[in-house]
Each structure stands twice: as structure tokens, then as C-alpha cells.
């Protein structure tokens, strides 16, 4: 059973910012990054409980190839998943759950 995905504004902005950063480093790398993030989200959509809960009600999925986490919340009754952050692992981990 698939869940509906809701991409929160913070996560969208982080994805765009990371895409721009990678694309500035090498043309096409931003697109590879975005594709890996979306592949991760497709897995979450199919199996949201596959990845561990790291903080109360927040799960984290590691993106393949890139040092990035997709942080999300599962809403079982609504059969939806809210993507709350696309977090680069080099950032301060204390900022991982701010303003969610």
C-alpha cells in the first residue's frame, strides 16, 4: 500500500539549495542528486516504516551516493508521509529538527 507524499516547504527549499550547490560543482551532478533523493522518497512511499525512527515521530532515510538524509513523519491514519527536511550530513546535527 502506497502512502501519499507531502513535501513541506522547508524540505523543498533544502532540495533546491542542494541541487544548485551540486550543479555549480559539476553540470548534471545536481540532477543526479535530485534523482537519488526522489528514489529514496519512492521507497519511503512504498514502505514508510522501513527506515528507523530517530527522534519522536521522525524517521530518517539515508540517500544513496550522497551524504544526505530525508527526514519524514508518518501519518498512518491519513496514509501520508510528510517530508520535513532534506538534510546534508555535514551540517550541524543539532539543527536537524529545528523549525519542523
PDB file of N, CA and C in Angstrom:
ATOM      1  N   UNK A   1       0.839  -1.178   0.000  1.00  0.00           N
ATOM      2  CA  UNK A   1       0.000   0.000   0.000  1.00  0.00           C
ATOM      3  C   UNK A   1       0.886   1.243   0.000  1.00  0.00           C
ATOM      4  N   UNK A   2       0.656   2.137  -0.926  1.00  0.00           N
ATOM      5  CA  UNK A   2       1.468   3.347  -1.005  1.00  0.00           C
ATOM      6  C   UNK A   2       0.851   4.469  -0.177  1.00  0.00           C
ATOM      7  N   UNK A   3       1.705   5.291   0.316  1.00  0.00           N
ATOM      8  CA  UNK A   3       1.304   6.460   1.087  1.00  0.00           C
ATOM      9  C   UNK A   3       1.403   7.692   0.194  1.00  0.00           C
ATOM     10  N   UNK A   4       0.617   8.692   0.495  1.00  0.00           N
ATOM     11  CA  UNK A   4       0.698   9.966  -0.197  1.00  0.00           C
ATOM     12  C   UNK A   4       1.884  10.738   0.369  1.00  0.00           C
ATOM     13  N   UNK A   5       2.648  11.378  -0.515  1.00  0.00           N
ATOM     14  CA  UNK A   5       3.812  12.150  -0.091  1.00  0.00           C
ATOM     15  C   UNK A   5       3.465  13.632  -0.089  1.00  0.00           C
ATOM     16  N   UNK A   6       3.792  14.282   1.010  1.00  0.00           N
ATOM     17  CA  UNK A   6       3.640  15.738   1.138  1.00  0.00           C
ATOM     18  C   UNK A   6       5.033  16.310   1.381  1.00  0.00           C
ATOM     19  N   UNK A   7       5.467  17.191   0.502  1.00  0.00           N
ATOM     20  CA  UNK A   7       6.795  17.804   0.582  1.00  0.00           C
ATOM     21  C   UNK A   7       6.633  19.162   1.247  1.00  0.00           C
ATOM     22  N   UNK A   8       7.071  19.309   2.494  1.00  0.00           N
ATOM     23  CA  UNK A   8       6.939  20.585   3.186  1.00  0.00           C
ATOM     24  C   UNK A   8       7.894  21.625   2.596  1.00  0.00           C
ATOM     25  N   UNK A   9       7.545  22.886   2.763  1.00  0.00           N
ATOM     26  CA  UNK A   9       8.303  23.982   2.159  1.00  0.00           C
ATOM     27  C   UNK A   9       9.780  23.943   2.538  1.00  0.00           C
ATOM     28  N   UNK A  10      10.076  23.718   3.804  1.00  0.00           N
ATOM     29  CA  UNK A  10      11.476  23.667   4.255  1.00  0.00           C
ATOM     30  C   UNK A  10      12.253  22.628   3.461  1.00  0.00           C
ATOM     31  N   UNK A  11      11.670  21.458   3.274  1.00  0.00           N
ATOM     32  CA  UNK A  11      12.334  20.386   2.542  1.00  0.00           C
ATOM     33  C   UNK A  11      12.514  20.754   1.073  1.00  0.00           C
ATOM     34  N   UNK A  12      11.521  21.388   0.483  1.00  0.00           N
ATOM     35  CA  UNK A  12      11.639  21.822  -0.921  1.00  0.00           C
ATOM     36  C   UNK A  12      12.793  22.802  -1.088  1.00  0.00           C
ATOM     37  N   UNK A  13      12.876  23.763  -0.182  1.00  0.00           N
ATOM     38  CA  UNK A  13      13.938  24.764  -0.261  1.00  0.00           C
ATOM     39  C   UNK A  13      15.315  24.134  -0.067  1.00  0.00           C
ATOM     40  N   UNK A  14      15.416  23.186   0.850  1.00  0.00           N
ATOM     41  CA  UNK A  14      16.693  22.498   1.066  1.00  0.00           C
ATOM     42  C   UNK A  14      17.095  21.691  -0.170  1.00  0.00           C
ATOM     43  N   UNK A  15      16.120  21.056  -0.808  1.00  0.00           N
ATOM     44  CA  UNK A  15      16.400  20.278  -2.016  1.00  0.00           C
ATOM     45  C   UNK A  15      16.897  21.184  -3.133  1.00  0.00           C
ATOM     46  N   UNK A  16      16.249  22.314  -3.324  1.00  0.00           N
ATOM     47  CA  UNK A  16      16.660  23.265  -4.362  1.00  0.00           C
ATOM     48  C   UNK A  16      18.066  23.800  -4.077  1.00  0.00           C
ATOM     49  N   UNK A  17      18.307  24.165  -2.830  1.00  0.00           N
ATOM     50  CA  UNK A  17      19.622  24.692  -2.446  1.00  0.00           C
ATOM     51  C   UNK A  17      20.727  23.661  -2.686  1.00  0.00           C
ATOM     52  N   UNK A  18      20.473  22.417  -2.314  1.00  0.00           N
ATOM     53  CA  UNK A  18      21.473  21.358  -2.516  1.00  0.00           C
ATOM     54  C   UNK A  18      21.661  21.075  -4.002  1.00  0.00           C
ATOM     55  N   UNK A  19      20.560  21.060  -4.765  1.00  0.00           N
ATOM     56  CA  UNK A  19      20.654  20.850  -6.205  1.00  0.00           C
ATOM     57  C   UNK A  19      21.546  21.919  -6.831  1.00  0.00           C
ATOM     58  N   UNK A  20      21.322  23.185  -6.465  1.00  0.00           N
ATOM     59  CA  UNK A  20      22.129  24.286  -7.003  1.00  0.00           C
ATOM     60  C   UNK A  20      23.598  24.124  -6.639  1.00  0.00           C
ATOM     61  N   UNK A  21      23.866  23.730  -5.388  1.00  0.00           N
ATOM     62  CA  UNK A  21      25.247  23.555  -4.943  1.00  0.00           C
ATOM     63  C   UNK A  21      25.948  22.485  -5.776  1.00  0.00           C
ATOM     64  N   UNK A  22      25.301  21.319  -5.930  1.00  0.00           N
ATOM     65  CA  UNK A  22      25.903  20.238  -6.714  1.00  0.00           C
ATOM     66  C   UNK A  22      26.039  20.626  -8.186  1.00  0.00           C
ATOM     67  N   UNK A  23      25.046  21.292  -8.725  1.00  0.00           N
ATOM     68  CA  UNK A  23      25.077  21.688 -10.139  1.00  0.00           C
ATOM     69  C   UNK A  23      26.193  22.700 -10.401  1.00  0.00           C
ATOM     70  N   UNK A  24      26.458  23.591  -9.425  1.00  0.00           N
ATOM     71  CA  UNK A  24      27.565  24.543  -9.557  1.00  0.00           C
ATOM     72  C   UNK A  24      28.915  23.829  -9.578  1.00  0.00           C
ATOM     73  N   UNK A  25      29.008  22.705  -8.876  1.00  0.00           N
ATOM     74  CA  UNK A  25      30.267  21.968  -8.822  1.00  0.00           C
ATOM     75  C   UNK A  25      30.538  21.235 -10.129  1.00  0.00           C
ATOM     76  N   UNK A  26      29.473  20.655 -10.695  1.00  0.00           N
ATOM     77  CA  UNK A  26      29.623  19.890 -11.938  1.00  0.00           C
ATOM     78  C   UNK A  26      28.266  19.813 -12.625  1.00  0.00           C
ATOM     79  N   UNK A  27      28.155  20.282 -13.856  1.00  0.00           N
ATOM     80  CA  UNK A  27      26.878  20.201 -14.570  1.00  0.00           C
ATOM     81  C   UNK A  27      26.369  18.753 -14.626  1.00  0.00           C
ATOM     82  N   UNK A  28      25.113  18.578 -14.273  1.00  0.00           N
ATOM     83  CA  UNK A  28      24.494  17.252 -14.255  1.00  0.00           C
ATOM     84  C   UNK A  28      24.522  16.589 -12.890  1.00  0.00           C
ATOM     85  N   UNK A  29      25.434  17.017 -12.019  1.00  0.00           N
ATOM     86  CA  UNK A  29      25.527  16.406 -10.688  1.00  0.00           C
ATOM     87  C   UNK A  29      24.301  16.750  -9.840  1.00  0.00           C
ATOM     88  N   UNK A  30      23.774  17.945 -10.019  1.00  0.00           N
ATOM     89  CA  UNK A  30      22.564  18.332  -9.303  1.00  0.00           C
ATOM     90  C   UNK A  30      21.389  17.435  -9.671  1.00  0.00           C
ATOM     91  N   UNK A  31      21.295  17.095 -10.961  1.00  0.00           N
ATOM     92  CA  UNK A  31      20.220  16.201 -11.403  1.00  0.00           C
ATOM     93  C   UNK A  31      20.404  14.789 -10.848  1.00  0.00           C
ATOM     94  N   UNK A  32      21.652  14.328 -10.784  1.00  0.00           N
ATOM     95  CA  UNK A  32      21.905  13.013 -10.178  1.00  0.00           C
ATOM     96  C   UNK A  32      21.490  13.017  -8.716  1.00  0.00           C
ATOM     97  N   UNK A  33      21.822  14.096  -8.010  1.00  0.00           N
ATOM     98  CA  UNK A  33      21.441  14.236  -6.609  1.00  0.00           C
ATOM     99  C   UNK A  33      19.917  14.195  -6.460  1.00  0.00           C
ATOM    100  N   UNK A  34      19.238  15.013  -7.244  1.00  0.00           N
ATOM    101  CA  UNK A  34      17.764  15.074  -7.171  1.00  0.00           C
ATOM    102  C   UNK A  34      17.150  13.705  -7.462  1.00  0.00           C
ATOM    103  N   UNK A  35      17.671  12.994  -8.454  1.00  0.00           N
ATOM    104  CA  UNK A  35      17.148  11.663  -8.778  1.00  0.00           C
ATOM    105  C   UNK A  35      17.334  10.685  -7.627  1.00  0.00           C
ATOM    106  N   UNK A  36      18.478  10.750  -6.949  1.00  0.00           N
ATOM    107  CA  UNK A  36      18.713   9.855  -5.805  1.00  0.00           C
ATOM    108  C   UNK A  36      17.776  10.190  -4.641  1.00  0.00           C
ATOM    109  N   UNK A  37      17.513  11.479  -4.426  1.00  0.00           N
ATOM    110  CA  UNK A  37      16.567  11.876  -3.373  1.00  0.00           C
ATOM    111  C   UNK A  37      15.178  11.335  -3.709  1.00  0.00           C
ATOM    112  N   UNK A  38      14.748  11.494  -4.961  1.00  0.00           N
ATOM    113  CA  UNK A  38      13.426  11.008  -5.350  1.00  0.00           C
ATOM    114  C   UNK A  38      13.343   9.484  -5.323  1.00  0.00           C
ATOM    115  N   UNK A  39      14.438   8.785  -5.641  1.00  0.00           N
ATOM    116  CA  UNK A  39      14.445   7.323  -5.498  1.00  0.00           C
ATOM    117  C   UNK A  39      14.232   6.932  -4.043  1.00  0.00           C
ATOM    118  N   UNK A  40      14.890   7.641  -3.142  1.00  0.00           N
ATOM    119  CA  UNK A  40      14.725   7.397  -1.707  1.00  0.00           C
ATOM    120  C   UNK A  40      13.270   7.644  -1.286  1.00  0.00           C
ATOM    121  N   UNK A  41      12.692   8.719  -1.779  1.00  0.00           N
ATOM    122  CA  UNK A  41      11.304   9.053  -1.435  1.00  0.00           C
ATOM    123  C   UNK A  41      10.335   8.011  -1.985  1.00  0.00           C
ATOM    124  N   UNK A  42      10.616   7.440  -3.156  1.00  0.00           N
ATOM    125  CA  UNK A  42       9.759   6.372  -3.695  1.00  0.00           C
ATOM    126  C   UNK A  42       9.762   5.145  -2.779  1.00  0.00           C
ATOM    127  N   UNK A  43      10.924   4.834  -2.218  1.00  0.00           N
ATOM    128  CA  UNK A  43      10.995   3.713  -1.276  1.00  0.00           C
ATOM    129  C   UNK A  43      10.194   4.043  -0.019  1.00  0.00           C
ATOM    130  N   UNK A  44      10.333   5.269   0.471  1.00  0.00           N
ATOM    131  CA  UNK A  44       9.564   5.706   1.642  1.00  0.00           C
ATOM    132  C   UNK A  44       8.072   5.618   1.351  1.00  0.00           C
ATOM    133  N   UNK A  45       7.666   6.022   0.173  1.00  0.00           N
ATOM    134  CA  UNK A  45       6.258   5.992  -0.228  1.00  0.00           C
ATOM    135  C   UNK A  45       5.686   4.572  -0.164  1.00  0.00           C
ATOM    136  N   UNK A  46       6.490   3.601  -0.571  1.00  0.00           N
ATOM    137  CA  UNK A  46       6.047   2.206  -0.567  1.00  0.00           C
ATOM    138  C   UNK A  46       6.155   1.545   0.813  1.00  0.00           C
ATOM    139  N   UNK A  47       7.212   1.898   1.549  1.00  0.00           N
ATOM    140  CA  UNK A  47       7.498   1.249   2.840  1.00  0.00           C
ATOM    141  C   UNK A  47       7.963   2.290   3.856  1.00  0.00           C
ATOM    142  N   UNK A  48       7.069   3.136   4.341  1.00  0.00           N
ATOM    143  CA  UNK A  48       7.491   4.236   5.224  1.00  0.00           C
ATOM    144  C   UNK A  48       8.117   3.798   6.541  1.00  0.00           C
ATOM    145  N   UNK A  49       7.812   2.615   7.007  1.00  0.00           N
ATOM    146  CA  UNK A  49       8.367   2.156   8.284  1.00  0.00           C
ATOM    147  C   UNK A  49       9.685   1.405   8.115  1.00  0.00           C
ATOM    148  N   UNK A  50      10.191   1.352   6.905  1.00  0.00           N
ATOM    149  CA  UNK A  50      11.446   0.660   6.621  1.00  0.00           C
ATOM    150  C   UNK A  50      12.629   1.327   7.325  1.00  0.00           C
ATOM    151  N   UNK A  51      12.598   2.639   7.411  1.00  0.00           N
ATOM    152  CA  UNK A  51      13.710   3.382   7.990  1.00  0.00           C
ATOM    153  C   UNK A  51      13.430   3.676   9.459  1.00  0.00           C
ATOM    154  N   UNK A  52      14.481   3.746  10.253  1.00  0.00           N
ATOM    155  CA  UNK A  52      14.296   3.877  11.705  1.00  0.00           C
ATOM    156  C   UNK A  52      13.772   5.242  12.149  1.00  0.00           C
ATOM    157  N   UNK A  53      13.056   5.194  13.249  1.00  0.00           N
ATOM    158  CA  UNK A  53      12.632   6.422  13.915  1.00  0.00           C
ATOM    159  C   UNK A  53      13.810   6.892  14.754  1.00  0.00           C
ATOM    160  N   UNK A  54      14.295   8.088  14.476  1.00  0.00           N
ATOM    161  CA  UNK A  54      15.479   8.599  15.163  1.00  0.00           C
ATOM    162  C   UNK A  54      15.132   9.570  16.281  1.00  0.00           C
ATOM    163  N   UNK A  55      14.015  10.180  16.151  1.00  0.00           N
ATOM    164  CA  UNK A  55      13.524  11.098  17.168  1.00  0.00           C
ATOM    165  C   UNK A  55      12.014  10.934  17.176  1.00  0.00           C
ATOM    166  N   UNK A  56      11.389  11.256  18.272  1.00  0.00           N
ATOM    167  CA  UNK A  56       9.961  11.009  18.403  1.00  0.00           C
ATOM    168  C   UNK A  56       9.199  11.456  17.151  1.00  0.00           C
ATOM    169  N   UNK A  57       8.622  10.495  16.469  1.00  0.00           N
ATOM    170  CA  UNK A  57       7.799  10.694  15.275  1.00  0.00           C
ATOM    171  C   UNK A  57       8.553  11.139  14.030  1.00  0.00           C
ATOM    172  N   UNK A  58       9.876  11.108  14.036  1.00  0.00           N
ATOM    173  CA  UNK A  58      10.664  11.477  12.862  1.00  0.00           C
ATOM    174  C   UNK A  58      11.522  10.292  12.436  1.00  0.00           C
ATOM    175  N   UNK A  59      11.403   9.924  11.184  1.00  0.00           N
ATOM    176  CA  UNK A  59      12.216   8.860  10.619  1.00  0.00           C
ATOM    177  C   UNK A  59      13.266   9.483   9.707  1.00  0.00           C
ATOM    178  N   UNK A  60      14.373   8.747   9.511  1.00  0.00           N
ATOM    179  CA  UNK A  60      15.452   9.232   8.658  1.00  0.00           C
ATOM    180  C   UNK A  60      15.854   8.149   7.667  1.00  0.00           C
ATOM    181  N   UNK A  61      15.949   8.563   6.406  1.00  0.00           N
ATOM    182  CA  UNK A  61      16.410   7.660   5.353  1.00  0.00           C
ATOM    183  C   UNK A  61      17.661   8.266   4.726  1.00  0.00           C
ATOM    184  N   UNK A  62      18.714   7.469   4.619  1.00  0.00           N
ATOM    185  CA  UNK A  62      19.956   7.928   4.018  1.00  0.00           C
ATOM    186  C   UNK A  62      19.843   7.810   2.502  1.00  0.00           C
ATOM    187  N   UNK A  63      20.189   8.877   1.802  1.00  0.00           N
ATOM    188  CA  UNK A  63      20.160   8.900   0.340  1.00  0.00           C
ATOM    189  C   UNK A  63      21.409   8.185  -0.164  1.00  0.00           C
ATOM    190  N   UNK A  64      21.238   7.300  -1.147  1.00  0.00           N
ATOM    191  CA  UNK A  64      22.387   6.587  -1.711  1.00  0.00           C
ATOM    192  C   UNK A  64      23.314   7.566  -2.420  1.00  0.00           C
ATOM    193  N   UNK A  65      24.590   7.300  -2.331  1.00  0.00           N
ATOM    194  CA  UNK A  65      25.674   8.011  -3.009  1.00  0.00           C
ATOM    195  C   UNK A  65      25.975   9.384  -2.399  1.00  0.00           C
ATOM    196  N   UNK A  66      24.964  10.133  -1.987  1.00  0.00           N
ATOM    197  CA  UNK A  66      25.155  11.489  -1.491  1.00  0.00           C
ATOM    198  C   UNK A  66      25.006  11.527   0.030  1.00  0.00           C
ATOM    199  N   UNK A  67      25.776  12.386   0.711  1.00  0.00           N
ATOM    200  CA  UNK A  67      25.694  12.476   2.176  1.00  0.00           C
ATOM    201  C   UNK A  67      24.492  13.315   2.613  1.00  0.00           C
ATOM    202  N   UNK A  68      23.330  12.715   2.511  1.00  0.00           N
ATOM    203  CA  UNK A  68      22.091  13.452   2.740  1.00  0.00           C
ATOM    204  C   UNK A  68      21.042  12.523   3.365  1.00  0.00           C
ATOM    205  N   UNK A  69      20.225  13.092   4.240  1.00  0.00           N
ATOM    206  CA  UNK A  69      19.127  12.356   4.865  1.00  0.00           C
ATOM    207  C   UNK A  69      17.797  12.945   4.429  1.00  0.00           C
ATOM    208  N   UNK A  70      16.818  12.082   4.223  1.00  0.00           N
ATOM    209  CA  UNK A  70      15.437  12.523   4.046  1.00  0.00           C
ATOM    210  C   UNK A  70      14.768  12.274   5.394  1.00  0.00           C
ATOM    211  N   UNK A  71      14.324  13.350   6.033  1.00  0.00           N
ATOM    212  CA  UNK A  71      13.674  13.251   7.342  1.00  0.00           C
ATOM    213  C   UNK A  71      12.179  13.409   7.119  1.00  0.00           C
ATOM    214  N   UNK A  72      11.407  12.496   7.703  1.00  0.00           N
ATOM    215  CA  UNK A  72       9.971  12.496   7.428  1.00  0.00           C
ATOM    216  C   UNK A  72       9.162  12.023   8.624  1.00  0.00           C
ATOM    217  N   UNK A  73       7.860  12.326   8.552  1.00  0.00           N
ATOM    218  CA  UNK A  73       6.901  11.880   9.571  1.00  0.00           C
ATOM    219  C   UNK A  73       5.838  11.042   8.891  1.00  0.00           C
ATOM    220  N   UNK A  74       5.434   9.987   9.548  1.00  0.00           N
ATOM    221  CA  UNK A  74       4.393   9.099   9.026  1.00  0.00           C
ATOM    222  C   UNK A  74       3.069   9.448   9.700  1.00  0.00           C
ATOM    223  N   UNK A  75       2.031   9.612   8.895  1.00  0.00           N
ATOM    224  CA  UNK A  75       0.664   9.830   9.397  1.00  0.00           C
ATOM    225  C   UNK A  75      -0.161   8.613   8.970  1.00  0.00           C
ATOM    226  N   UNK A  76      -0.210   7.609   9.849  1.00  0.00           N
ATOM    227  CA  UNK A  76      -0.829   6.333   9.500  1.00  0.00           C
ATOM    228  C   UNK A  76      -2.315   6.448   9.173  1.00  0.00           C
ATOM    229  N   UNK A  77      -3.046   7.229   9.951  1.00  0.00           N
ATOM    230  CA  UNK A  77      -4.490   7.344   9.700  1.00  0.00           C
ATOM    231  C   UNK A  77      -4.789   7.963   8.342  1.00  0.00           C
ATOM    232  N   UNK A  78      -3.992   8.942   7.954  1.00  0.00           N
ATOM    233  CA  UNK A  78      -4.189   9.620   6.671  1.00  0.00           C
ATOM    234  C   UNK A  78      -3.466   8.901   5.524  1.00  0.00           C
ATOM    235  N   UNK A  79      -2.694   7.869   5.865  1.00  0.00           N
ATOM    236  CA  UNK A  79      -1.885   7.157   4.874  1.00  0.00           C
ATOM    237  C   UNK A  79      -1.015   8.134   4.089  1.00  0.00           C
ATOM    238  N   UNK A  80      -0.339   9.015   4.846  1.00  0.00           N
ATOM    239  CA  UNK A  80       0.523  10.002   4.197  1.00  0.00           C
ATOM    240  C   UNK A  80       1.864  10.097   4.925  1.00  0.00           C
ATOM    241  N   UNK A  81       2.828  10.629   4.206  1.00  0.00           N
ATOM    242  CA  UNK A  81       4.166  10.863   4.729  1.00  0.00           C
ATOM    243  C   UNK A  81       4.510  12.314   4.432  1.00  0.00           C
ATOM    244  N   UNK A  82       4.956  13.037   5.442  1.00  0.00           N
ATOM    245  CA  UNK A  82       5.380  14.422   5.275  1.00  0.00           C
ATOM    246  C   UNK A  82       6.903  14.457   5.254  1.00  0.00           C
ATOM    247  N   UNK A  83       7.472  14.882   4.120  1.00  0.00           N
ATOM    248  CA  UNK A  83       8.911  15.061   4.014  1.00  0.00           C
ATOM    249  C   UNK A  83       9.204  16.415   4.644  1.00  0.00           C
ATOM    250  N   UNK A  84       9.905  16.415   5.774  1.00  0.00           N
ATOM    251  CA  UNK A  84      10.113  17.654   6.520  1.00  0.00           C
ATOM    252  C   UNK A  84      11.491  18.273   6.297  1.00  0.00           C
ATOM    253  N   UNK A  85      12.461  17.457   5.828  1.00  0.00           N
ATOM    254  CA  UNK A  85      13.791  18.009   5.614  1.00  0.00           C
ATOM    255  C   UNK A  85      14.586  17.120   4.665  1.00  0.00           C
ATOM    256  N   UNK A  86      15.412  17.768   3.837  1.00  0.00           N
ATOM    257  CA  UNK A  86      16.435  17.099   3.048  1.00  0.00           C
ATOM    258  C   UNK A  86      17.735  17.652   3.630  1.00  0.00           C
ATOM    259  N   UNK A  87      18.311  16.896   4.551  1.00  0.00           N
ATOM    260  CA  UNK A  87      19.368  17.387   5.429  1.00  0.00           C
ATOM    261  C   UNK A  87      20.732  16.852   5.014  1.00  0.00           C
ATOM    262  N   UNK A  88      21.661  17.746   4.703  1.00  0.00           N
ATOM    263  CA  UNK A  88      23.028  17.340   4.367  1.00  0.00           C
ATOM    264  C   UNK A  88      23.749  16.963   5.655  1.00  0.00           C
ATOM    265  N   UNK A  89      24.400  15.827   5.651  1.00  0.00           N
ATOM    266  CA  UNK A  89      25.001  15.304   6.879  1.00  0.00           C
ATOM    267  C   UNK A  89      26.214  16.082   7.360  1.00  0.00           C
ATOM    268  N   UNK A  90      26.752  16.998   6.546  1.00  0.00           N
ATOM    269  CA  UNK A  90      27.875  17.809   7.021  1.00  0.00           C
ATOM    270  C   UNK A  90      27.407  18.995   7.866  1.00  0.00           C
ATOM    271  N   UNK A  91      26.100  19.250   7.870  1.00  0.00           N
ATOM    272  CA  UNK A  91      25.562  20.338   8.686  1.00  0.00           C
ATOM    273  C   UNK A  91      25.538  19.940  10.154  1.00  0.00           C
ATOM    274  N   UNK A  92      25.409  20.929  11.011  1.00  0.00           N
ATOM    275  CA  UNK A  92      25.354  20.702  12.451  1.00  0.00           C
ATOM    276  C   UNK A  92      24.136  19.828  12.787  1.00  0.00           C
ATOM    277  N   UNK A  93      24.337  18.650  13.370  1.00  0.00           N
ATOM    278  CA  UNK A  93      23.203  17.764  13.670  1.00  0.00           C
ATOM    279  C   UNK A  93      22.186  18.363  14.647  1.00  0.00           C
ATOM    280  N   UNK A  94      22.601  19.360  15.414  1.00  0.00           N
ATOM    281  CA  UNK A  94      21.657  19.997  16.335  1.00  0.00           C
ATOM    282  C   UNK A  94      20.584  20.775  15.573  1.00  0.00           C
ATOM    283  N   UNK A  95      20.856  21.111  14.320  1.00  0.00           N
ATOM    284  CA  UNK A  95      19.890  21.862  13.507  1.00  0.00           C
ATOM    285  C   UNK A  95      18.955  20.947  12.714  1.00  0.00           C
ATOM    286  N   UNK A  96      19.133  19.659  12.868  1.00  0.00           N
ATOM    287  CA  UNK A  96      18.386  18.680  12.073  1.00  0.00           C
ATOM    288  C   UNK A  96      16.866  18.792  12.270  1.00  0.00           C
ATOM    289  N   UNK A  97      16.429  19.056  13.488  1.00  0.00           N
ATOM    290  CA  UNK A  97      14.996  19.048  13.774  1.00  0.00           C
ATOM    291  C   UNK A  97      14.450  20.438  14.097  1.00  0.00           C
ATOM    292  N   UNK A  98      15.170  21.463  13.790  1.00  0.00           N
ATOM    293  CA  UNK A  98      14.686  22.823  14.069  1.00  0.00           C
ATOM    294  C   UNK A  98      13.643  23.238  13.061  1.00  0.00           C
ATOM    295  N   UNK A  99      12.672  23.992  13.554  1.00  0.00           N
ATOM    296  CA  UNK A  99      11.607  24.585  12.735  1.00  0.00           C
ATOM    297  C   UNK A  99      10.876  23.552  11.912  1.00  0.00           C
ATOM    298  N   UNK A 100      10.460  22.482  12.542  1.00  0.00           N
ATOM    299  CA  UNK A 100       9.693  21.456  11.844  1.00  0.00           C
ATOM    300  C   UNK A 100       8.276  21.487  12.319  1.00  0.00           C
TER     301      UNK A 100
END
